[in-house]
Amino acid sequence: MLTQELENLVNRSYGSEPKYTEIMAGVPEDYKQIKTLRDLLEINYKIVGSKEQLRRNLISKIKSKSVTYPGIIGFDDDVIPALDRAILSCHDMILVGQIGQAKTRIAQTVAETLLSPMPLIRGSITNDCPMDLPQNDLISLLKDKENYMSIPKFYVDGDSIEKIRNNKLDTPIEWVDGRHRFKYVLATPDISVKDLVGQIDAIKITKKGTEMYEIESYSPGQLMQAKHGLFCIDELPVLDTRKQVALLSVLQEGRFTTGSYPVIFEPKTVFFATANPIDYTHSGKIIEPLYDRLKSHIQTHYPRSLHDEMLIIIQEAKIPRSLIPVFLLKILTRIVQAARSSNEINQDKGVSVRMGVHSLELLVGEAERTRSLTHNIMAVPRPCDIFSIAQSVKFELAELDDVTENRTKVLKTLISNAMKETSLEYLTGIDSSILDSIKKEFLGKSFQVSQAILETNSSQMSYDNQLKNFNSLLTLINGVYRKVTFDQEDFVKETKKYEISNDTLIISENAQNELKAGVVELVLDGLCWLEPKILDKKEDTYVAS
């Protein structure tokens, strides 16, 4: 293209209204067909800033009544409205809450859901868009002028400069979504200011022969790698004062410098921080100017209902092909929630939702280890597997010495109470005559349970064979089994509302026997908790009370 035509194209593109209809903030309807700098210039592409992307895309979702933050459960009445307000106000924000309250998940979901795809120079590590350059600077680059910068300001990095200079209007463009413009940084004592803001790289100076203060000598830090995206720094109070000051100028002015480098850097990013309540309230942990410029402070919390925590656990657990009985999920969730209210457990650090997630994964592993793999059957966790969760329990004790023996004692109490509450839930409304018959059936008899015993097989000790001696107990178990299947179906419907994968909740034919075995154990345990109680449990054997 002739020099004058090229200049006219750039000037017309920068000075004219866009020639496209948006499907998201700043996204042309046919954006996947736009693959070069020439394509961008011909449609008069205009960058929409990351905060404005969040705002406009959230407005669109609210108007269309779409799900705004998929996978975020239990925050509808408080955290979600606060998050909406902050985004609509274009605020940088800090999420304050204990471990396992989805703070980082929220930031990542915002980036993935509300940031629009953007046209970036292919391979750019600082998310460079050609339109980051002022029009005169872009023209200078396209004309091969060496000193293209009009002011000492970072627009695009050295590699992107070379790509434009070498490829001109054919510079390749790729549309990068919000997920890949999300930058997560865990604040640790060893993170440096250079990690955050970048540095002048002596190796680049040596290899490329650049001058000390040319843009090509700069190696970008985490902030510039989050350009046009969302920068999330986890546990902000852990950063010392000097490093917090490095972030302050970004929040205050949207720009920073690094060392004595005479260039201004603008990350153009949305800033999210997280903090633990103890650190957040501790004087001096977050410097006052930074604290003040994080415009929205949002408090998170643990799931407040059994239902919400169950949904979160089934959503987050990474488990192989199996069936998860909803009654076992209730037991597990009650253990976690009871741990959060126990005076014997240190509540300052909190009891993470991850305790339930990791415990469910262990329960499936235990079902595989003890039955599924040996007998080539579906893995279905049962109440008898519940003590395998001990290795995923991560709470600290408050009143007792924090030793293994005392932790085990506290956990056993939590498990016992959760088993009691859940089993009695399924035994409500049972006719007293059936209970009297069951008590009579157990006179001189016993029922043995074990992780290794199946519901039905050739073994004399299978649950099916043992039940032949207990007709009334079998009637009760069949009734509870029907309740369980209805409960299972209802929970599957709930997962569909949240678009949660529910493959592990569907009762397949080859899982029915193991599910029935779990119901047997649930009912027998409940009969020990009724008042007056019907059975006693002695190790793995149930006998008449």
Protein backbone atom coordinates (compact mmCIF):
# COMPACT_ATOMS: atom_id res chain seq x y z
CA MET A 1 0.00 0.00 0.00
CA LEU A 2 1.27 3.48 -0.85
CA THR A 3 2.47 5.55 2.09
CA GLN A 4 -0.26 8.17 1.75
CA GLU A 5 -3.02 5.57 1.38
CA LEU A 6 -1.73 3.80 4.47
CA GLU A 7 -1.72 7.03 6.44
CA ASN A 8 -5.24 7.85 5.25
CA LEU A 9 -6.47 4.39 6.29
CA VAL A 10 -5.11 4.79 9.84
CA ASN A 11 -6.40 8.37 10.19
CA ARG A 12 -9.84 7.43 8.86
CA SER A 13 -10.04 4.39 11.15
CA TYR A 14 -9.05 6.32 14.28
CA GLY A 15 -11.28 9.29 13.45
CA SER A 16 -14.46 7.52 12.34
CA GLU A 17 -17.29 5.68 14.06
CA PRO A 18 -17.11 1.85 14.18
CA LYS A 19 -18.55 0.01 11.17
CA TYR A 20 -19.81 -2.96 13.13
CA THR A 21 -22.62 -4.14 15.39
CA GLU A 22 -21.47 -5.36 18.81
CA ILE A 23 -22.49 -8.72 20.27
CA MET A 24 -20.61 -7.92 23.50
CA ALA A 25 -18.85 -4.77 24.62
CA GLY A 26 -16.30 -4.02 21.89
CA VAL A 27 -16.87 -7.27 19.99
CA PRO A 28 -17.94 -7.09 16.31
CA GLU A 29 -20.62 -9.52 15.19
CA ASP A 30 -18.24 -11.28 12.80
CA TYR A 31 -15.15 -10.88 14.98
CA LYS A 32 -13.78 -14.35 14.19
CA GLN A 33 -13.26 -13.24 10.59
CA ILE A 34 -11.05 -10.33 11.70
CA LYS A 35 -7.50 -11.72 11.62
CA THR A 36 -5.12 -8.88 10.72
CA LEU A 37 -4.34 -5.26 11.54
CA ARG A 38 -5.78 -4.32 8.16
CA ASP A 39 -9.12 -5.92 9.13
CA LEU A 40 -9.22 -3.90 12.35
CA LEU A 41 -8.49 -0.64 10.59
CA GLU A 42 -11.09 -1.26 7.89
CA ILE A 43 -13.91 -1.63 10.44
CA ASN A 44 -12.68 1.35 12.53
CA TYR A 45 -12.22 -0.91 15.57
CA LYS A 46 -12.35 0.86 18.94
CA ILE A 47 -10.98 -0.55 22.19
CA VAL A 48 -13.43 -0.79 25.09
CA GLY A 49 -11.62 -0.64 28.45
CA SER A 50 -11.76 -3.65 30.77
CA LYS A 51 -13.89 -1.92 33.43
CA GLU A 52 -16.30 -0.71 30.79
CA GLN A 53 -16.44 -4.24 29.35
CA LEU A 54 -17.46 -5.59 32.74
CA ARG A 55 -20.06 -2.89 33.20
CA ARG A 56 -21.67 -3.14 29.77
CA ASN A 57 -21.65 -6.92 29.65
CA LEU A 58 -23.17 -7.11 33.16
CA ILE A 59 -25.91 -4.68 32.12
CA SER A 60 -26.65 -6.88 29.13
CA LYS A 61 -26.89 -10.01 31.30
CA ILE A 62 -29.11 -8.30 33.88
CA LYS A 63 -31.47 -7.06 31.16
CA SER A 64 -31.67 -10.50 29.53
CA LYS A 65 -31.99 -12.19 32.96
CA SER A 66 -29.00 -14.40 32.17
CA VAL A 67 -26.84 -16.06 34.84
CA THR A 68 -24.21 -13.44 35.68
CA TYR A 69 -21.71 -15.53 37.67
CA PRO A 70 -22.10 -19.24 36.81
CA GLY A 71 -20.86 -21.60 39.48
CA ILE A 72 -21.08 -19.04 42.31
CA ILE A 73 -23.62 -20.50 44.76
CA GLY A 74 -25.08 -19.21 48.03
CA PHE A 75 -24.30 -15.50 47.58
CA ASP A 76 -27.50 -14.34 45.88
CA ASP A 77 -28.73 -12.18 48.77
CA ASP A 78 -25.55 -10.30 49.66
CA VAL A 79 -22.27 -10.91 47.82
CA ILE A 80 -23.74 -10.95 44.29
CA PRO A 81 -25.64 -7.65 44.72
CA ALA A 82 -22.50 -6.06 46.19
CA LEU A 83 -20.42 -7.37 43.28
CA ASP A 84 -22.97 -6.04 40.78
CA ARG A 85 -22.87 -2.59 42.39
CA ALA A 86 -19.06 -2.51 42.31
CA ILE A 87 -18.87 -3.53 38.66
CA LEU A 88 -21.57 -1.08 37.60
CA SER A 89 -19.59 1.62 39.44
CA CYS A 90 -16.32 0.56 37.71
CA HIS A 91 -14.70 -0.04 41.10
CA ASP A 92 -11.53 -1.87 41.96
CA MET A 93 -12.37 -4.08 44.92
CA ILE A 94 -11.23 -6.30 47.76
CA LEU A 95 -13.01 -9.51 48.76
CA VAL A 96 -12.71 -10.24 52.48
CA GLY A 97 -13.36 -13.71 53.84
CA GLN A 98 -11.91 -16.86 55.36
CA ILE A 99 -10.31 -19.68 53.40
CA GLY A 100 -12.54 -21.58 51.01
CA GLN A 101 -15.15 -18.85 50.48
CA ALA A 102 -14.76 -18.68 46.68
CA LYS A 103 -12.98 -15.30 46.67
CA THR A 104 -10.54 -16.22 43.92
CA ARG A 105 -13.28 -18.17 42.13
CA ILE A 106 -15.40 -15.00 42.05
CA ALA A 107 -12.58 -12.96 40.48
CA GLN A 108 -11.90 -15.67 37.89
CA THR A 109 -15.60 -16.03 37.07
CA VAL A 110 -15.93 -12.26 36.56
CA ALA A 111 -13.02 -12.37 34.11
CA GLU A 112 -14.33 -15.40 32.23
CA THR A 113 -17.94 -14.24 32.07
CA LEU A 114 -17.85 -10.45 31.75
CA LEU A 115 -14.62 -9.62 29.93
CA SER A 116 -15.12 -9.50 26.17
CA PRO A 117 -12.80 -11.18 23.66
CA MET A 118 -10.19 -8.69 22.43
CA PRO A 119 -8.06 -8.50 19.25
CA LEU A 120 -4.47 -8.85 20.39
CA ILE A 121 -1.24 -9.12 18.44
CA ARG A 122 -0.60 -12.84 18.20
CA GLY A 123 1.74 -14.11 20.89
CA SER A 124 1.83 -10.86 22.90
CA ILE A 125 2.55 -11.50 26.58
CA THR A 126 1.26 -8.04 27.52
CA ASN A 127 -2.07 -8.36 25.69
CA ASP A 128 -1.12 -5.73 23.11
CA CYS A 129 -3.80 -4.46 20.74
CA PRO A 130 -2.53 -2.39 17.77
CA MET A 131 -5.10 0.26 18.75
CA ASP A 132 -3.19 0.73 22.02
CA LEU A 133 -0.86 2.87 19.91
CA PRO A 134 -1.78 6.50 19.17
CA GLN A 135 -2.51 6.89 15.46
CA ASN A 136 0.67 8.87 14.72
CA ASP A 137 2.79 6.26 16.46
CA LEU A 138 1.12 3.46 14.51
CA ILE A 139 1.68 5.35 11.26
CA SER A 140 5.36 5.85 12.17
CA LEU A 141 5.76 2.13 12.80
CA LEU A 142 4.05 1.19 9.55
CA LYS A 143 6.37 3.62 7.73
CA ASP A 144 9.44 2.03 9.38
CA LYS A 145 10.39 5.16 11.29
CA GLU A 146 12.79 4.24 14.08
CA ASN A 147 11.78 6.77 16.73
CA TYR A 148 8.06 6.10 16.71
CA MET A 149 7.24 7.08 20.33
CA SER A 150 5.67 10.53 20.67
CA ILE A 151 5.97 10.50 24.47
CA PRO A 152 7.88 8.20 26.88
CA LYS A 153 4.97 5.83 27.46
CA PHE A 154 4.59 2.06 27.14
CA TYR A 155 1.86 1.19 24.66
CA VAL A 156 3.00 -2.19 23.33
CA ASP A 157 6.11 -4.23 24.13
CA GLY A 158 9.21 -4.59 21.97
CA ASP A 159 8.15 -7.87 20.38
CA SER A 160 4.82 -6.38 19.29
CA ILE A 161 6.64 -3.39 17.84
CA GLU A 162 8.76 -5.71 15.73
CA LYS A 163 5.74 -7.68 14.53
CA ILE A 164 3.99 -4.52 13.33
CA ARG A 165 7.18 -3.22 11.76
CA ASN A 166 7.82 -6.50 9.94
CA ASN A 167 4.26 -7.46 8.96
CA LYS A 168 2.70 -4.02 8.48
CA LEU A 169 -1.04 -4.31 7.77
CA ASP A 170 -0.75 -8.11 7.70
CA THR A 171 0.21 -8.21 11.40
CA PRO A 172 -1.67 -11.29 12.69
CA ILE A 173 -4.46 -10.76 15.24
CA GLU A 174 -6.02 -13.28 17.58
CA TRP A 175 -9.13 -12.78 19.70
CA VAL A 176 -8.29 -13.59 23.32
CA ASP A 177 -11.09 -14.16 25.81
CA GLY A 178 -11.31 -13.05 29.43
CA ARG A 179 -10.15 -16.38 30.81
CA HIS A 180 -6.74 -15.83 29.22
CA ARG A 181 -6.54 -12.20 30.36
CA PHE A 182 -7.01 -13.16 34.01
CA LYS A 183 -3.82 -12.87 36.04
CA TYR A 184 -3.66 -14.47 39.49
CA VAL A 185 -0.85 -13.64 41.90
CA LEU A 186 -0.52 -15.15 45.37
CA ALA A 187 1.03 -12.61 47.70
CA THR A 188 3.98 -14.28 49.41
CA PRO A 189 6.87 -12.70 51.31
CA ASP A 190 9.28 -13.56 48.50
CA ILE A 191 7.37 -11.78 45.73
CA SER A 192 9.34 -8.70 44.64
CA VAL A 193 8.48 -5.25 43.34
CA LYS A 194 10.07 -6.29 40.05
CA ASP A 195 7.72 -9.27 39.88
CA LEU A 196 4.81 -6.83 39.99
CA VAL A 197 6.00 -3.92 37.82
CA GLY A 198 8.69 -5.56 35.68
CA GLN A 199 12.33 -4.67 35.23
CA ILE A 200 15.04 -3.61 32.82
CA ASP A 201 16.46 -6.91 31.62
CA ALA A 202 20.25 -7.01 31.35
CA ILE A 203 20.07 -10.18 29.22
CA LYS A 204 17.89 -8.44 26.65
CA ILE A 205 20.30 -5.51 26.60
CA THR A 206 23.21 -7.88 25.95
CA LYS A 207 21.50 -10.14 23.40
CA LYS A 208 19.68 -7.48 21.38
CA GLY A 209 22.21 -4.72 21.78
CA THR A 210 19.52 -2.30 22.93
CA GLU A 211 20.14 0.78 25.01
CA MET A 212 19.42 0.67 28.73
CA TYR A 213 16.33 2.88 28.48
CA GLU A 214 14.77 1.64 25.26
CA ILE A 215 11.45 -0.15 25.50
CA GLU A 216 13.02 -3.35 24.10
CA SER A 217 15.05 -3.73 27.30
CA TYR A 218 11.94 -3.96 29.49
CA SER A 219 10.67 -7.32 30.78
CA PRO A 220 7.04 -6.93 31.86
CA GLY A 221 5.86 -7.83 35.34
CA GLN A 222 2.56 -9.29 36.46
CA LEU A 223 0.66 -6.02 36.13
CA MET A 224 1.48 -5.50 32.47
CA GLN A 225 0.77 -9.16 31.75
CA ALA A 226 -2.76 -8.44 32.99
CA LYS A 227 -3.29 -5.53 30.57
CA HIS A 228 -6.86 -5.28 29.31
CA GLY A 229 -7.73 -8.02 31.80
CA LEU A 230 -8.33 -8.69 35.46
CA PHE A 231 -5.46 -8.70 37.96
CA CYS A 232 -6.20 -10.63 41.16
CA ILE A 233 -3.76 -10.52 44.05
CA ASP A 234 -4.57 -13.09 46.71
CA GLU A 235 -3.93 -12.28 50.39
CA LEU A 236 -3.00 -8.64 49.78
CA PRO A 237 -2.06 -7.90 53.45
CA VAL A 238 0.88 -10.33 53.15
CA LEU A 239 2.67 -7.85 50.86
CA ASP A 240 5.01 -5.51 52.70
CA THR A 241 4.59 -1.74 52.52
CA ARG A 242 7.02 -1.17 49.64
CA LYS A 243 5.22 -3.63 47.40
CA GLN A 244 1.83 -2.22 48.31
CA VAL A 245 3.08 1.23 47.32
CA ALA A 246 3.93 -0.19 43.89
CA LEU A 247 0.24 -1.12 43.50
CA LEU A 248 -1.00 2.20 44.88
CA SER A 249 -0.12 4.25 41.82
CA VAL A 250 -2.02 1.80 39.61
CA LEU A 251 -5.18 2.27 41.68
CA GLN A 252 -4.64 5.98 42.12
CA GLU A 253 -3.61 7.01 38.61
CA GLY A 254 -3.92 3.88 36.46
CA ARG A 255 -0.19 4.00 35.73
CA PHE A 256 3.22 3.30 37.20
CA THR A 257 6.94 3.52 36.48
CA THR A 258 9.65 1.02 37.29
CA GLY A 259 12.89 2.03 38.94
CA SER A 260 14.52 4.93 37.12
CA TYR A 261 13.04 3.85 33.79
CA PRO A 262 11.70 7.07 32.16
CA VAL A 263 8.59 5.44 30.69
CA ILE A 264 5.01 5.43 31.95
CA PHE A 265 3.19 2.09 32.06
CA GLU A 266 -0.61 1.75 31.98
CA PRO A 267 -1.91 -1.77 32.65
CA LYS A 268 -5.55 -0.79 31.94
CA THR A 269 -6.67 -3.63 34.17
CA VAL A 270 -9.44 -4.32 36.66
CA PHE A 271 -7.92 -4.79 40.11
CA PHE A 272 -9.24 -7.44 42.54
CA ALA A 273 -7.65 -8.21 45.91
CA THR A 274 -8.53 -10.77 48.57
CA ALA A 275 -7.83 -10.82 52.30
CA ASN A 276 -8.48 -12.89 55.40
CA PRO A 277 -10.64 -11.00 57.95
CA ILE A 278 -7.90 -11.19 60.61
CA ASP A 279 -5.29 -9.60 58.36
CA TYR A 280 -7.80 -7.16 56.91
CA THR A 281 -8.71 -5.69 60.30
CA HIS A 282 -5.16 -5.71 61.66
CA SER A 283 -3.80 -2.17 61.76
CA GLY A 284 -1.01 -1.61 59.25
CA LYS A 285 -1.55 -4.81 57.30
CA ILE A 286 -2.90 -2.82 54.35
CA ILE A 287 -1.51 0.69 54.02
CA GLU A 288 -4.18 3.35 54.44
CA PRO A 289 -3.94 4.93 50.95
CA LEU A 290 -4.26 1.52 49.28
CA TYR A 291 -7.08 0.50 51.62
CA ASP A 292 -8.91 3.71 50.71
CA ARG A 293 -8.48 3.34 46.94
CA LEU A 294 -9.92 -0.14 46.83
CA LYS A 295 -13.30 1.46 46.38
CA SER A 296 -15.53 -1.54 47.17
CA HIS A 297 -14.93 -3.87 50.12
CA ILE A 298 -17.09 -7.00 49.87
CA GLN A 299 -17.50 -9.54 52.67
CA THR A 300 -17.84 -13.20 51.65
CA HIS A 301 -19.06 -16.05 53.86
CA TYR A 302 -19.45 -19.80 53.99
CA PRO A 303 -22.63 -21.42 52.59
CA ARG A 304 -25.46 -20.72 54.99
CA SER A 305 -27.72 -23.60 54.00
CA LEU A 306 -27.25 -27.33 53.70
CA HIS A 307 -28.64 -27.16 50.17
CA ASP A 308 -26.10 -24.57 48.94
CA GLU A 309 -23.10 -26.38 50.40
CA MET A 310 -24.23 -29.68 48.90
CA LEU A 311 -24.43 -28.05 45.48
CA ILE A 312 -20.97 -26.53 45.86
CA ILE A 313 -19.42 -29.83 46.96
CA ILE A 314 -20.90 -31.78 44.05
CA GLN A 315 -19.89 -28.99 41.66
CA GLU A 316 -16.27 -28.82 42.81
CA ALA A 317 -15.44 -32.47 43.54
CA LYS A 318 -13.30 -34.24 40.96
CA ILE A 319 -14.51 -37.81 41.04
CA PRO A 320 -14.53 -40.75 38.61
CA ARG A 321 -17.62 -42.62 37.44
CA SER A 322 -19.71 -43.34 40.52
CA LEU A 323 -23.03 -42.71 42.24
CA ILE A 324 -23.16 -40.22 45.09
CA PRO A 325 -26.20 -40.87 47.33
CA VAL A 326 -27.76 -37.56 48.36
CA PHE A 327 -28.15 -38.81 51.94
CA LEU A 328 -24.39 -39.34 52.14
CA LEU A 329 -23.85 -35.85 50.73
CA LYS A 330 -26.12 -34.55 53.51
CA ILE A 331 -24.08 -36.40 56.14
CA LEU A 332 -20.85 -34.97 54.77
CA THR A 333 -22.22 -31.42 54.55
CA ARG A 334 -23.58 -31.56 58.09
CA ILE A 335 -20.14 -32.61 59.34
CA VAL A 336 -18.55 -29.57 57.68
CA GLN A 337 -21.21 -27.13 58.85
CA ALA A 338 -21.14 -28.47 62.40
CA ALA A 339 -17.35 -28.04 62.42
CA ARG A 340 -17.86 -24.32 61.69
CA SER A 341 -20.02 -23.86 64.77
CA SER A 342 -18.05 -26.06 67.16
CA ASN A 343 -16.47 -24.36 70.15
CA GLU A 344 -13.77 -27.02 70.12
CA ILE A 345 -12.51 -25.88 66.71
CA ASN A 346 -10.51 -22.72 66.03
CA GLN A 347 -12.91 -20.57 63.99
CA ASP A 348 -10.42 -17.77 63.29
CA LYS A 349 -9.00 -19.67 60.34
CA GLY A 350 -12.35 -21.10 59.31
CA VAL A 351 -13.41 -24.50 58.03
CA SER A 352 -13.16 -24.43 54.26
CA VAL A 353 -15.74 -25.78 51.82
CA ARG A 354 -12.77 -27.73 50.46
CA MET A 355 -13.02 -30.01 53.49
CA GLY A 356 -16.32 -31.30 52.09
CA VAL A 357 -15.03 -31.42 48.51
CA HIS A 358 -11.90 -33.38 49.39
CA SER A 359 -13.84 -35.66 51.73
CA LEU A 360 -16.29 -36.61 49.00
CA GLU A 361 -13.39 -37.45 46.70
CA LEU A 362 -11.96 -39.69 49.44
CA LEU A 363 -15.30 -41.42 49.98
CA VAL A 364 -15.43 -42.41 46.33
CA GLY A 365 -11.84 -43.62 46.55
CA GLU A 366 -12.73 -45.68 49.62
CA ALA A 367 -15.73 -47.24 47.85
CA GLU A 368 -13.43 -48.17 44.97
CA ARG A 369 -10.75 -49.58 47.28
CA THR A 370 -13.07 -51.73 49.40
CA ARG A 371 -15.73 -52.92 46.91
CA SER A 372 -15.86 -51.45 43.45
CA LEU A 373 -12.51 -52.58 42.05
CA THR A 374 -12.63 -56.06 43.59
CA HIS A 375 -16.18 -56.90 42.51
CA ASN A 376 -16.24 -54.85 39.29
CA ILE A 377 -19.26 -52.80 40.38
CA MET A 378 -20.13 -49.12 40.43
CA ALA A 379 -18.42 -47.11 43.18
CA VAL A 380 -21.14 -46.00 45.60
CA PRO A 381 -19.99 -44.53 48.94
CA ARG A 382 -21.91 -45.82 51.96
CA PRO A 383 -22.21 -44.66 55.58
CA CYS A 384 -19.73 -47.36 56.63
CA ASP A 385 -17.05 -45.55 54.56
CA ILE A 386 -17.44 -42.24 56.37
CA PHE A 387 -14.41 -42.47 58.67
CA SER A 388 -12.09 -42.47 55.66
CA ILE A 389 -12.54 -38.67 55.51
CA ALA A 390 -10.20 -38.20 58.48
CA GLN A 391 -7.20 -37.59 56.22
CA SER A 392 -8.88 -34.60 54.55
CA VAL A 393 -9.98 -32.85 57.75
CA LYS A 394 -7.93 -29.68 58.16
CA PHE A 395 -9.40 -27.83 61.13
CA GLU A 396 -7.39 -26.73 64.17
CA LEU A 397 -8.56 -27.28 67.74
CA ALA A 398 -9.23 -24.36 70.06
CA GLU A 399 -9.80 -25.71 73.58
CA LEU A 400 -8.02 -29.07 73.45
CA ASP A 401 -4.39 -29.68 72.58
CA ASP A 402 -4.19 -29.76 68.78
CA VAL A 403 -2.95 -33.34 68.50
CA THR A 404 -4.13 -36.24 66.34
CA GLU A 405 -5.88 -38.04 69.19
CA ASN A 406 -8.01 -35.02 70.09
CA ARG A 407 -8.76 -34.20 66.44
CA THR A 408 -9.98 -37.77 65.91
CA LYS A 409 -12.20 -37.52 68.97
CA VAL A 410 -13.79 -34.27 67.78
CA LEU A 411 -14.27 -35.64 64.26
CA LYS A 412 -15.98 -38.78 65.58
CA THR A 413 -18.46 -36.62 67.48
CA LEU A 414 -19.16 -34.55 64.36
CA ILE A 415 -19.69 -37.71 62.30
CA SER A 416 -21.95 -39.28 64.90
CA ASN A 417 -24.17 -36.20 65.13
CA ALA A 418 -24.39 -35.86 61.34
CA MET A 419 -25.29 -39.56 60.98
CA LYS A 420 -27.94 -39.19 63.65
CA GLU A 421 -29.59 -36.13 62.11
CA THR A 422 -29.59 -37.52 58.58
CA SER A 423 -30.79 -41.03 59.42
CA LEU A 424 -33.62 -39.69 61.61
CA GLU A 425 -34.64 -37.36 58.76
CA TYR A 426 -35.42 -40.43 56.66
CA LEU A 427 -37.22 -42.24 59.51
CA THR A 428 -39.74 -39.51 60.28
CA GLY A 429 -43.37 -40.59 60.11
CA ILE A 430 -42.66 -44.31 60.49
CA ASP A 431 -45.59 -46.28 61.91
CA SER A 432 -44.83 -47.39 65.47
CA SER A 433 -46.21 -50.86 64.76
CA ILE A 434 -43.42 -51.45 62.21
CA LEU A 435 -40.84 -50.37 64.76
CA ASP A 436 -42.32 -52.76 67.36
CA SER A 437 -42.18 -55.59 64.83
CA ILE A 438 -38.54 -54.82 64.01
CA LYS A 439 -37.61 -54.90 67.69
CA LYS A 440 -39.24 -58.30 68.07
CA GLU A 441 -37.49 -59.59 64.94
CA PHE A 442 -34.10 -58.78 66.48
CA LEU A 443 -34.70 -60.82 69.65
CA GLY A 444 -31.93 -63.44 69.58
CA LYS A 445 -30.73 -62.19 66.17
CA SER A 446 -28.19 -59.69 64.85
CA PHE A 447 -27.36 -57.87 61.62
CA GLN A 448 -23.76 -57.39 60.52
CA VAL A 449 -22.54 -54.51 58.39
CA SER A 450 -19.15 -54.01 56.81
CA GLN A 451 -17.47 -52.10 54.02
CA ALA A 452 -16.66 -55.44 52.41
CA ILE A 453 -20.22 -56.85 52.51
CA LEU A 454 -22.33 -56.31 49.42
CA GLU A 455 -26.09 -55.86 49.21
CA THR A 456 -26.54 -58.99 47.17
CA ASN A 457 -24.23 -61.87 46.17
CA SER A 458 -23.77 -65.55 46.99
CA SER A 459 -22.33 -64.80 50.42
CA GLN A 460 -24.48 -65.76 53.39
CA MET A 461 -23.60 -62.42 54.98
CA SER A 462 -24.79 -60.30 52.07
CA TYR A 463 -27.34 -57.73 53.18
CA ASP A 464 -29.95 -59.34 50.93
CA ASN A 465 -29.51 -62.74 52.59
CA GLN A 466 -29.50 -61.28 56.09
CA LEU A 467 -32.72 -59.36 55.37
CA LYS A 468 -34.54 -62.65 54.72
CA ASN A 469 -34.71 -62.99 58.52
CA PHE A 470 -36.16 -59.48 59.03
CA ASN A 471 -39.40 -58.96 57.08
CA SER A 472 -40.49 -55.78 58.89
CA LEU A 473 -37.00 -54.28 58.58
CA LEU A 474 -37.10 -55.04 54.85
CA THR A 475 -40.44 -53.26 54.54
CA LEU A 476 -39.00 -50.20 56.29
CA ILE A 477 -35.86 -50.23 54.13
CA ASN A 478 -37.92 -50.43 50.94
CA GLY A 479 -39.95 -47.42 52.07
CA VAL A 480 -36.83 -45.41 52.87
CA TYR A 481 -35.29 -46.46 49.56
CA ARG A 482 -38.26 -44.89 47.77
CA LYS A 483 -37.74 -41.69 49.77
CA VAL A 484 -34.06 -41.71 48.84
CA THR A 485 -34.77 -42.09 45.13
CA PHE A 486 -37.27 -39.20 45.22
CA ASP A 487 -34.72 -37.11 47.13
CA GLN A 488 -32.07 -38.01 44.55
CA GLU A 489 -34.31 -36.96 41.66
CA ASP A 490 -35.15 -33.64 43.32
CA PHE A 491 -31.46 -32.87 43.86
CA VAL A 492 -30.69 -33.67 40.23
CA LYS A 493 -33.31 -31.06 39.25
CA GLU A 494 -31.52 -28.54 41.49
CA THR A 495 -28.17 -29.18 39.84
CA LYS A 496 -29.73 -28.50 36.44
CA LYS A 497 -30.77 -25.02 37.59
CA TYR A 498 -27.11 -24.21 38.24
CA GLU A 499 -25.80 -26.07 35.18
CA ILE A 500 -23.83 -28.44 37.43
CA SER A 501 -22.79 -31.78 35.99
CA ASN A 502 -25.01 -34.41 37.61
CA ASP A 503 -23.71 -37.65 36.09
CA THR A 504 -22.69 -38.91 39.53
CA LEU A 505 -26.21 -38.39 40.89
CA ILE A 506 -28.13 -40.44 38.32
CA ILE A 507 -29.19 -43.84 39.69
CA SER A 508 -28.18 -46.34 37.02
CA GLU A 509 -29.24 -49.97 37.10
CA ASN A 510 -25.77 -51.22 38.02
CA ALA A 511 -25.65 -48.88 41.02
CA GLN A 512 -28.97 -49.86 42.60
CA ASN A 513 -27.67 -52.71 44.74
CA GLU A 514 -24.93 -50.64 46.31
CA LEU A 515 -27.36 -47.77 46.86
CA LYS A 516 -29.72 -50.21 48.57
CA ALA A 517 -26.83 -51.36 50.79
CA GLY A 518 -26.22 -47.75 51.78
CA VAL A 519 -29.90 -47.37 52.68
CA VAL A 520 -29.68 -50.52 54.83
CA GLU A 521 -26.83 -48.96 56.81
CA LEU A 522 -28.63 -45.63 57.06
CA VAL A 523 -31.81 -47.23 58.44
CA LEU A 524 -29.99 -49.46 60.93
CA ASP A 525 -28.09 -46.45 62.24
CA GLY A 526 -31.31 -44.45 62.57
CA LEU A 527 -32.97 -47.23 64.56
CA CYS A 528 -30.23 -46.75 67.15
CA TRP A 529 -31.11 -43.06 67.53
CA LEU A 530 -34.89 -43.30 67.81
CA GLU A 531 -36.49 -42.63 71.18
CA PRO A 532 -37.13 -45.15 72.50
CA LYS A 533 -34.35 -46.69 70.48
CA ILE A 534 -34.93 -49.95 68.71
CA LEU A 535 -31.38 -51.24 68.19
CA ASP A 536 -27.90 -51.01 69.69
CA LYS A 537 -24.71 -51.11 67.68
CA LYS A 538 -21.76 -53.12 68.96
CA GLU A 539 -18.81 -52.58 66.66
CA ASP A 540 -20.16 -53.68 63.23
CA THR A 541 -23.18 -55.58 64.52
CA TYR A 542 -26.72 -54.36 65.27
CA VAL A 543 -28.71 -56.09 68.01
CA ALA A 544 -31.97 -55.50 69.84
CA SER A 545 -31.81 -52.69 72.37
